[in-house]
Amino acid sequence: MTNTELYHLALSTYGAEAQTLMVMEEMSELQKELCKHARGKDNQLSIAEEIADVLIMLDQMMILHDCESIVAQYKQEKLERLEERLKQ
């Protein structure tokens, strides 16, 4: 099964509302781990795990909202803008 097929299955199994709540929960868990790191905790593995969770959920949100190509376009524009700012 491809990742995309798995994401579609997760969305159809758990539903859009549950997965939308889950993305917020996963982002909160990442935020918590980043705060712990800012306070001096050595938690690289926990941060990596939470980033993976958030990325998986964001992929599902792009499918749910049918905006994968729009996100890619915005991402490219924002990266180009960042590059320009860094050149100054």
PDB file of N, CA and C in Angstrom:
ATOM      1  N   MET A   1       0.851  -1.180   0.000  1.00  0.00           N
ATOM      2  CA  MET A   1       0.000   0.000   0.000  1.00  0.00           C
ATOM      3  C   MET A   1       0.897   1.244   0.000  1.00  0.00           C
ATOM      4  N   THR A   2       0.577   2.198  -0.850  1.00  0.00           N
ATOM      5  CA  THR A   2       1.355   3.436  -0.887  1.00  0.00           C
ATOM      6  C   THR A   2       0.959   4.327   0.286  1.00  0.00           C
ATOM      7  N   ASN A   3       1.792   5.318   0.564  1.00  0.00           N
ATOM      8  CA  ASN A   3       1.450   6.272   1.619  1.00  0.00           C
ATOM      9  C   ASN A   3       0.125   6.960   1.320  1.00  0.00           C
ATOM     10  N   THR A   4      -0.062   7.367   0.076  1.00  0.00           N
ATOM     11  CA  THR A   4      -1.298   8.057  -0.302  1.00  0.00           C
ATOM     12  C   THR A   4      -2.509   7.162  -0.074  1.00  0.00           C
ATOM     13  N   GLU A   5      -2.398   5.901  -0.449  1.00  0.00           N
ATOM     14  CA  GLU A   5      -3.502   4.962  -0.209  1.00  0.00           C
ATOM     15  C   GLU A   5      -3.763   4.805   1.285  1.00  0.00           C
ATOM     16  N   LEU A   6      -2.700   4.750   2.058  1.00  0.00           N
ATOM     17  CA  LEU A   6      -2.831   4.628   3.507  1.00  0.00           C
ATOM     18  C   LEU A   6      -3.506   5.860   4.102  1.00  0.00           C
ATOM     19  N   TYR A   7      -3.130   7.044   3.629  1.00  0.00           N
ATOM     20  CA  TYR A   7      -3.760   8.279   4.109  1.00  0.00           C
ATOM     21  C   TYR A   7      -5.250   8.297   3.780  1.00  0.00           C
ATOM     22  N   HIS A   8      -5.602   7.902   2.561  1.00  0.00           N
ATOM     23  CA  HIS A   8      -7.020   7.841   2.175  1.00  0.00           C
ATOM     24  C   HIS A   8      -7.778   6.854   3.067  1.00  0.00           C
ATOM     25  N   LEU A   9      -7.159   5.718   3.345  1.00  0.00           N
ATOM     26  CA  LEU A   9      -7.792   4.718   4.202  1.00  0.00           C
ATOM     27  C   LEU A   9      -7.983   5.263   5.618  1.00  0.00           C
ATOM     28  N   ALA A  10      -6.967   5.942   6.136  1.00  0.00           N
ATOM     29  CA  ALA A  10      -7.082   6.528   7.475  1.00  0.00           C
ATOM     30  C   ALA A  10      -8.211   7.552   7.517  1.00  0.00           C
ATOM     31  N   LEU A  11      -8.281   8.393   6.495  1.00  0.00           N
ATOM     32  CA  LEU A  11      -9.343   9.405   6.450  1.00  0.00           C
ATOM     33  C   LEU A  11     -10.723   8.768   6.350  1.00  0.00           C
ATOM     34  N   SER A  12     -10.852   7.724   5.559  1.00  0.00           N
ATOM     35  CA  SER A  12     -12.164   7.085   5.420  1.00  0.00           C
ATOM     36  C   SER A  12     -12.519   6.260   6.658  1.00  0.00           C
ATOM     37  N   THR A  13     -11.516   5.724   7.334  1.00  0.00           N
ATOM     38  CA  THR A  13     -11.766   4.912   8.527  1.00  0.00           C
ATOM     39  C   THR A  13     -12.103   5.774   9.737  1.00  0.00           C
ATOM     40  N   TYR A  14     -11.287   6.791   9.984  1.00  0.00           N
ATOM     41  CA  TYR A  14     -11.458   7.603  11.186  1.00  0.00           C
ATOM     42  C   TYR A  14     -12.328   8.830  10.961  1.00  0.00           C
ATOM     43  N   GLY A  15     -12.407   9.299   9.735  1.00  0.00           N
ATOM     44  CA  GLY A  15     -13.230  10.462   9.422  1.00  0.00           C
ATOM     45  C   GLY A  15     -12.440  11.758   9.453  1.00  0.00           C
ATOM     46  N   ALA A  16     -12.955  12.724   8.721  1.00  0.00           N
ATOM     47  CA  ALA A  16     -12.282  14.018   8.588  1.00  0.00           C
ATOM     48  C   ALA A  16     -12.180  14.751   9.915  1.00  0.00           C
ATOM     49  N   GLU A  17     -13.251  14.735  10.687  1.00  0.00           N
ATOM     50  CA  GLU A  17     -13.244  15.470  11.956  1.00  0.00           C
ATOM     51  C   GLU A  17     -12.209  14.901  12.918  1.00  0.00           C
ATOM     52  N   ALA A  18     -12.176  13.585  13.041  1.00  0.00           N
ATOM     53  CA  ALA A  18     -11.213  12.952  13.957  1.00  0.00           C
ATOM     54  C   ALA A  18      -9.780  13.216  13.516  1.00  0.00           C
ATOM     55  N   GLN A  19      -9.519  13.152  12.221  1.00  0.00           N
ATOM     56  CA  GLN A  19      -8.161  13.373  11.740  1.00  0.00           C
ATOM     57  C   GLN A  19      -7.769  14.849  11.856  1.00  0.00           C
ATOM     58  N   THR A  20      -8.727  15.735  11.733  1.00  0.00           N
ATOM     59  CA  THR A  20      -8.442  17.157  11.930  1.00  0.00           C
ATOM     60  C   THR A  20      -8.087  17.427  13.387  1.00  0.00           C
ATOM     61  N   LEU A  21      -8.808  16.811  14.298  1.00  0.00           N
ATOM     62  CA  LEU A  21      -8.458  16.946  15.714  1.00  0.00           C
ATOM     63  C   LEU A  21      -7.100  16.313  15.992  1.00  0.00           C
ATOM     64  N   MET A  22      -6.813  15.201  15.324  1.00  0.00           N
ATOM     65  CA  MET A  22      -5.539  14.510  15.537  1.00  0.00           C
ATOM     66  C   MET A  22      -4.363  15.356  15.072  1.00  0.00           C
ATOM     67  N   VAL A  23      -4.508  16.078  13.958  1.00  0.00           N
ATOM     68  CA  VAL A  23      -3.394  16.918  13.497  1.00  0.00           C
ATOM     69  C   VAL A  23      -3.099  17.990  14.539  1.00  0.00           C
ATOM     70  N   MET A  24      -4.144  18.535  15.153  1.00  0.00           N
ATOM     71  CA  MET A  24      -3.922  19.548  16.193  1.00  0.00           C
ATOM     72  C   MET A  24      -3.241  18.936  17.416  1.00  0.00           C
ATOM     73  N   GLU A  25      -3.641  17.722  17.773  1.00  0.00           N
ATOM     74  CA  GLU A  25      -3.015  17.028  18.897  1.00  0.00           C
ATOM     75  C   GLU A  25      -1.543  16.754  18.612  1.00  0.00           C
ATOM     76  N   GLU A  26      -1.242  16.289  17.415  1.00  0.00           N
ATOM     77  CA  GLU A  26       0.150  15.989  17.062  1.00  0.00           C
ATOM     78  C   GLU A  26       1.005  17.254  17.039  1.00  0.00           C
ATOM     79  N   MET A  27       0.445  18.359  16.546  1.00  0.00           N
ATOM     80  CA  MET A  27       1.199  19.621  16.547  1.00  0.00           C
ATOM     81  C   MET A  27       1.452  20.087  17.974  1.00  0.00           C
ATOM     82  N   SER A  28       0.490  19.866  18.845  1.00  0.00           N
ATOM     83  CA  SER A  28       0.655  20.226  20.249  1.00  0.00           C
ATOM     84  C   SER A  28       1.759  19.394  20.903  1.00  0.00           C
ATOM     85  N   GLU A  29       1.811  18.122  20.575  1.00  0.00           N
ATOM     86  CA  GLU A  29       2.856  17.259  21.129  1.00  0.00           C
ATOM     87  C   GLU A  29       4.235  17.686  20.638  1.00  0.00           C
ATOM     88  N   LEU A  30       4.334  18.092  19.386  1.00  0.00           N
ATOM     89  CA  LEU A  30       5.607  18.606  18.870  1.00  0.00           C
ATOM     90  C   LEU A  30       5.980  19.892  19.591  1.00  0.00           C
ATOM     91  N   GLN A  31       5.017  20.765  19.768  1.00  0.00           N
ATOM     92  CA  GLN A  31       5.269  22.022  20.477  1.00  0.00           C
ATOM     93  C   GLN A  31       5.791  21.747  21.888  1.00  0.00           C
ATOM     94  N   LYS A  32       5.196  20.774  22.569  1.00  0.00           N
ATOM     95  CA  LYS A  32       5.624  20.415  23.918  1.00  0.00           C
ATOM     96  C   LYS A  32       7.080  19.953  23.922  1.00  0.00           C
ATOM     97  N   GLU A  33       7.448  19.108  22.968  1.00  0.00           N
ATOM     98  CA  GLU A  33       8.825  18.610  22.911  1.00  0.00           C
ATOM     99  C   GLU A  33       9.808  19.733  22.573  1.00  0.00           C
ATOM    100  N   LEU A  34       9.412  20.648  21.702  1.00  0.00           N
ATOM    101  CA  LEU A  34      10.281  21.786  21.376  1.00  0.00           C
ATOM    102  C   LEU A  34      10.465  22.696  22.587  1.00  0.00           C
ATOM    103  N   CYS A  35       9.419  22.871  23.375  1.00  0.00           N
ATOM    104  CA  CYS A  35       9.533  23.667  24.601  1.00  0.00           C
ATOM    105  C   CYS A  35      10.478  22.999  25.599  1.00  0.00           C
ATOM    106  N   LYS A  36      10.370  21.686  25.722  1.00  0.00           N
ATOM    107  CA  LYS A  36      11.281  20.951  26.607  1.00  0.00           C
ATOM    108  C   LYS A  36      12.723  21.145  26.155  1.00  0.00           C
ATOM    109  N   HIS A  37      12.948  21.074  24.846  1.00  0.00           N
ATOM    110  CA  HIS A  37      14.298  21.272  24.310  1.00  0.00           C
ATOM    111  C   HIS A  37      14.797  22.688  24.613  1.00  0.00           C
ATOM    112  N   ALA A  38      13.933  23.666  24.484  1.00  0.00           N
ATOM    113  CA  ALA A  38      14.312  25.055  24.762  1.00  0.00           C
ATOM    114  C   ALA A  38      14.689  25.246  26.229  1.00  0.00           C
ATOM    115  N   ARG A  39      14.144  24.396  27.102  1.00  0.00           N
ATOM    116  CA  ARG A  39      14.482  24.454  28.528  1.00  0.00           C
ATOM    117  C   ARG A  39      15.699  23.597  28.863  1.00  0.00           C
ATOM    118  N   GLY A  40      16.328  22.996  27.836  1.00  0.00           N
ATOM    119  CA  GLY A  40      17.575  22.286  28.067  1.00  0.00           C
ATOM    120  C   GLY A  40      17.508  20.775  28.024  1.00  0.00           C
ATOM    121  N   LYS A  41      16.348  20.206  27.771  1.00  0.00           N
ATOM    122  CA  LYS A  41      16.250  18.744  27.722  1.00  0.00           C
ATOM    123  C   LYS A  41      16.841  18.219  26.415  1.00  0.00           C
ATOM    124  N   ASP A  42      17.583  17.115  26.520  1.00  0.00           N
ATOM    125  CA  ASP A  42      18.131  16.442  25.338  1.00  0.00           C
ATOM    126  C   ASP A  42      17.079  15.443  24.850  1.00  0.00           C
ATOM    127  N   ASN A  43      16.239  15.870  23.909  1.00  0.00           N
ATOM    128  CA  ASN A  43      15.110  15.045  23.478  1.00  0.00           C
ATOM    129  C   ASN A  43      14.999  14.971  21.955  1.00  0.00           C
ATOM    130  N   GLN A  44      16.138  14.857  21.304  1.00  0.00           N
ATOM    131  CA  GLN A  44      16.168  14.830  19.844  1.00  0.00           C
ATOM    132  C   GLN A  44      15.261  13.742  19.269  1.00  0.00           C
ATOM    133  N   LEU A  45      15.281  12.562  19.846  1.00  0.00           N
ATOM    134  CA  LEU A  45      14.463  11.466  19.323  1.00  0.00           C
ATOM    135  C   LEU A  45      12.976  11.755  19.471  1.00  0.00           C
ATOM    136  N   SER A  46      12.594  12.344  20.589  1.00  0.00           N
ATOM    137  CA  SER A  46      11.186  12.704  20.786  1.00  0.00           C
ATOM    138  C   SER A  46      10.747  13.765  19.791  1.00  0.00           C
ATOM    139  N   ILE A  47      11.615  14.732  19.540  1.00  0.00           N
ATOM    140  CA  ILE A  47      11.303  15.772  18.554  1.00  0.00           C
ATOM    141  C   ILE A  47      11.150  15.142  17.177  1.00  0.00           C
ATOM    142  N   ALA A  48      12.064  14.262  16.812  1.00  0.00           N
ATOM    143  CA  ALA A  48      12.001  13.602  15.504  1.00  0.00           C
ATOM    144  C   ALA A  48      10.717  12.789  15.361  1.00  0.00           C
ATOM    145  N   GLU A  49      10.341  12.081  16.407  1.00  0.00           N
ATOM    146  CA  GLU A  49       9.111  11.285  16.364  1.00  0.00           C
ATOM    147  C   GLU A  49       7.884  12.172  16.172  1.00  0.00           C
ATOM    148  N   GLU A  50       7.843  13.280  16.893  1.00  0.00           N
ATOM    149  CA  GLU A  50       6.690  14.183  16.778  1.00  0.00           C
ATOM    150  C   GLU A  50       6.658  14.880  15.420  1.00  0.00           C
ATOM    151  N   ILE A  51       7.824  15.213  14.871  1.00  0.00           N
ATOM    152  CA  ILE A  51       7.858  15.789  13.518  1.00  0.00           C
ATOM    153  C   ILE A  51       7.286  14.782  12.526  1.00  0.00           C
ATOM    154  N   ALA A  52       7.659  13.516  12.657  1.00  0.00           N
ATOM    155  CA  ALA A  52       7.128  12.480  11.764  1.00  0.00           C
ATOM    156  C   ALA A  52       5.607  12.398  11.878  1.00  0.00           C
ATOM    157  N   ASP A  53       5.100  12.433  13.100  1.00  0.00           N
ATOM    158  CA  ASP A  53       3.646  12.390  13.303  1.00  0.00           C
ATOM    159  C   ASP A  53       2.957  13.577  12.636  1.00  0.00           C
ATOM    160  N   VAL A  54       3.524  14.766  12.821  1.00  0.00           N
ATOM    161  CA  VAL A  54       2.935  15.975  12.235  1.00  0.00           C
ATOM    162  C   VAL A  54       2.971  15.900  10.712  1.00  0.00           C
ATOM    163  N   LEU A  55       4.079  15.468  10.148  1.00  0.00           N
ATOM    164  CA  LEU A  55       4.176  15.365   8.690  1.00  0.00           C
ATOM    165  C   LEU A  55       3.135  14.397   8.127  1.00  0.00           C
ATOM    166  N   ILE A  56       2.945  13.272   8.794  1.00  0.00           N
ATOM    167  CA  ILE A  56       1.932  12.304   8.361  1.00  0.00           C
ATOM    168  C   ILE A  56       0.545  12.935   8.390  1.00  0.00           C
ATOM    169  N   MET A  57       0.254  13.648   9.458  1.00  0.00           N
ATOM    170  CA  MET A  57      -1.066  14.266   9.569  1.00  0.00           C
ATOM    171  C   MET A  57      -1.232  15.408   8.575  1.00  0.00           C
ATOM    172  N   LEU A  58      -0.181  16.171   8.328  1.00  0.00           N
ATOM    173  CA  LEU A  58      -0.274  17.246   7.338  1.00  0.00           C
ATOM    174  C   LEU A  58      -0.510  16.685   5.939  1.00  0.00           C
ATOM    175  N   ASP A  59       0.118  15.561   5.635  1.00  0.00           N
ATOM    176  CA  ASP A  59      -0.143  14.910   4.350  1.00  0.00           C
ATOM    177  C   ASP A  59      -1.624  14.543   4.233  1.00  0.00           C
ATOM    178  N   GLN A  60      -2.196  14.045   5.319  1.00  0.00           N
ATOM    179  CA  GLN A  60      -3.622  13.717   5.298  1.00  0.00           C
ATOM    180  C   GLN A  60      -4.482  14.968   5.126  1.00  0.00           C
ATOM    181  N   MET A  61      -4.080  16.066   5.752  1.00  0.00           N
ATOM    182  CA  MET A  61      -4.847  17.307   5.625  1.00  0.00           C
ATOM    183  C   MET A  61      -4.806  17.840   4.196  1.00  0.00           C
ATOM    184  N   MET A  62      -3.666  17.691   3.527  1.00  0.00           N
ATOM    185  CA  MET A  62      -3.585  18.130   2.127  1.00  0.00           C
ATOM    186  C   MET A  62      -4.511  17.299   1.247  1.00  0.00           C
ATOM    187  N   ILE A  63      -4.621  16.011   1.530  1.00  0.00           N
ATOM    188  CA  ILE A  63      -5.549  15.158   0.789  1.00  0.00           C
ATOM    189  C   ILE A  63      -6.987  15.540   1.123  1.00  0.00           C
ATOM    190  N   LEU A  64      -7.270  15.690   2.400  1.00  0.00           N
ATOM    191  CA  LEU A  64      -8.623  16.023   2.843  1.00  0.00           C
ATOM    192  C   LEU A  64      -9.127  17.308   2.196  1.00  0.00           C
ATOM    193  N   HIS A  65      -8.246  18.301   2.115  1.00  0.00           N
ATOM    194  CA  HIS A  65      -8.635  19.611   1.590  1.00  0.00           C
ATOM    195  C   HIS A  65      -8.270  19.786   0.119  1.00  0.00           C
ATOM    196  N   ASP A  66      -7.808  18.705  -0.500  1.00  0.00           N
ATOM    197  CA  ASP A  66      -7.474  18.689  -1.925  1.00  0.00           C
ATOM    198  C   ASP A  66      -6.618  19.896  -2.312  1.00  0.00           C
ATOM    199  N   CYS A  67      -5.515  20.066  -1.588  1.00  0.00           N
ATOM    200  CA  CYS A  67      -4.692  21.258  -1.808  1.00  0.00           C
ATOM    201  C   CYS A  67      -3.204  20.943  -1.935  1.00  0.00           C
ATOM    202  N   GLU A  68      -2.863  19.732  -2.313  1.00  0.00           N
ATOM    203  CA  GLU A  68      -1.452  19.348  -2.405  1.00  0.00           C
ATOM    204  C   GLU A  68      -0.672  20.238  -3.370  1.00  0.00           C
ATOM    205  N   SER A  69      -1.222  20.482  -4.542  1.00  0.00           N
ATOM    206  CA  SER A  69      -0.495  21.299  -5.524  1.00  0.00           C
ATOM    207  C   SER A  69      -0.450  22.762  -5.098  1.00  0.00           C
ATOM    208  N   ILE A  70      -1.491  23.237  -4.454  1.00  0.00           N
ATOM    209  CA  ILE A  70      -1.505  24.622  -3.964  1.00  0.00           C
ATOM    210  C   ILE A  70      -0.455  24.794  -2.873  1.00  0.00           C
ATOM    211  N   VAL A  71      -0.375  23.824  -1.970  1.00  0.00           N
ATOM    212  CA  VAL A  71       0.631  23.872  -0.905  1.00  0.00           C
ATOM    213  C   VAL A  71       2.026  23.871  -1.510  1.00  0.00           C
ATOM    214  N   ALA A  72       2.251  23.021  -2.496  1.00  0.00           N
ATOM    215  CA  ALA A  72       3.567  22.967  -3.147  1.00  0.00           C
ATOM    216  C   ALA A  72       3.919  24.311  -3.768  1.00  0.00           C
ATOM    217  N   GLN A  73       2.936  24.952  -4.372  1.00  0.00           N
ATOM    218  CA  GLN A  73       3.166  26.266  -4.987  1.00  0.00           C
ATOM    219  C   GLN A  73       3.504  27.315  -3.927  1.00  0.00           C
ATOM    220  N   TYR A  74       2.704  27.371  -2.864  1.00  0.00           N
ATOM    221  CA  TYR A  74       2.987  28.328  -1.794  1.00  0.00           C
ATOM    222  C   TYR A  74       4.351  28.063  -1.160  1.00  0.00           C
ATOM    223  N   LYS A  75       4.661  26.792  -0.957  1.00  0.00           N
ATOM    224  CA  LYS A  75       5.947  26.433  -0.352  1.00  0.00           C
ATOM    225  C   LYS A  75       7.096  26.939  -1.208  1.00  0.00           C
ATOM    226  N   GLN A  76       7.016  26.728  -2.511  1.00  0.00           N
ATOM    227  CA  GLN A  76       8.066  27.197  -3.413  1.00  0.00           C
ATOM    228  C   GLN A  76       8.191  28.715  -3.363  1.00  0.00           C
ATOM    229  N   GLU A  77       7.062  29.418  -3.390  1.00  0.00           N
ATOM    230  CA  GLU A  77       7.084  30.883  -3.326  1.00  0.00           C
ATOM    231  C   GLU A  77       7.719  31.367  -2.028  1.00  0.00           C
ATOM    232  N   LYS A  78       7.377  30.730  -0.933  1.00  0.00           N
ATOM    233  CA  LYS A  78       7.914  31.142   0.364  1.00  0.00           C
ATOM    234  C   LYS A  78       9.406  30.848   0.473  1.00  0.00           C
ATOM    235  N   LEU A  79       9.841  29.740  -0.117  1.00  0.00           N
ATOM    236  CA  LEU A  79      11.271  29.435  -0.126  1.00  0.00           C
ATOM    237  C   LEU A  79      12.040  30.443  -0.973  1.00  0.00           C
ATOM    238  N   GLU A  80      11.471  30.824  -2.090  1.00  0.00           N
ATOM    239  CA  GLU A  80      12.114  31.836  -2.930  1.00  0.00           C
ATOM    240  C   GLU A  80      12.194  33.177  -2.200  1.00  0.00           C
ATOM    241  N   ARG A  81      11.125  33.537  -1.499  1.00  0.00           N
ATOM    242  CA  ARG A  81      11.118  34.779  -0.724  1.00  0.00           C
ATOM    243  C   ARG A  81      12.175  34.730   0.379  1.00  0.00           C
ATOM    244  N   LEU A  82      12.291  33.592   1.048  1.00  0.00           N
ATOM    245  CA  LEU A  82      13.308  33.420   2.087  1.00  0.00           C
ATOM    246  C   LEU A  82      14.700  33.570   1.496  1.00  0.00           C
ATOM    247  N   GLU A  83      14.927  32.958   0.356  1.00  0.00           N
ATOM    248  CA  GLU A  83      16.229  33.059  -0.298  1.00  0.00           C
ATOM    249  C   GLU A  83      16.560  34.516  -0.613  1.00  0.00           C
ATOM    250  N   GLU A  84      15.593  35.253  -1.108  1.00  0.00           N
ATOM    251  CA  GLU A  84      15.817  36.671  -1.421  1.00  0.00           C
ATOM    252  C   GLU A  84      16.151  37.469  -0.162  1.00  0.00           C
ATOM    253  N   ARG A  85      15.427  37.220   0.912  1.00  0.00           N
ATOM    254  CA  ARG A  85      15.707  37.932   2.169  1.00  0.00           C
ATOM    255  C   ARG A  85      17.099  37.613   2.681  1.00  0.00           C
ATOM    256  N   LEU A  86      17.518  36.375   2.533  1.00  0.00           N
ATOM    257  CA  LEU A  86      18.832  35.976   3.036  1.00  0.00           C
ATOM    258  C   LEU A  86      19.970  36.542   2.196  1.00  0.00           C
ATOM    259  N   LYS A  87      19.708  36.881   0.965  1.00  0.00           N
ATOM    260  CA  LYS A  87      20.728  37.479   0.099  1.00  0.00           C
ATOM    261  C   LYS A  87      20.992  38.934   0.459  1.00  0.00           C
ATOM    262  N   GLN A  88      20.059  39.571   1.120  1.00  0.00           N
ATOM    263  CA  GLN A  88      20.185  41.006   1.429  1.00  0.00           C
ATOM    264  C   GLN A  88      21.157  41.260   2.558  1.00  0.00           C
TER     265      GLN A  88
END
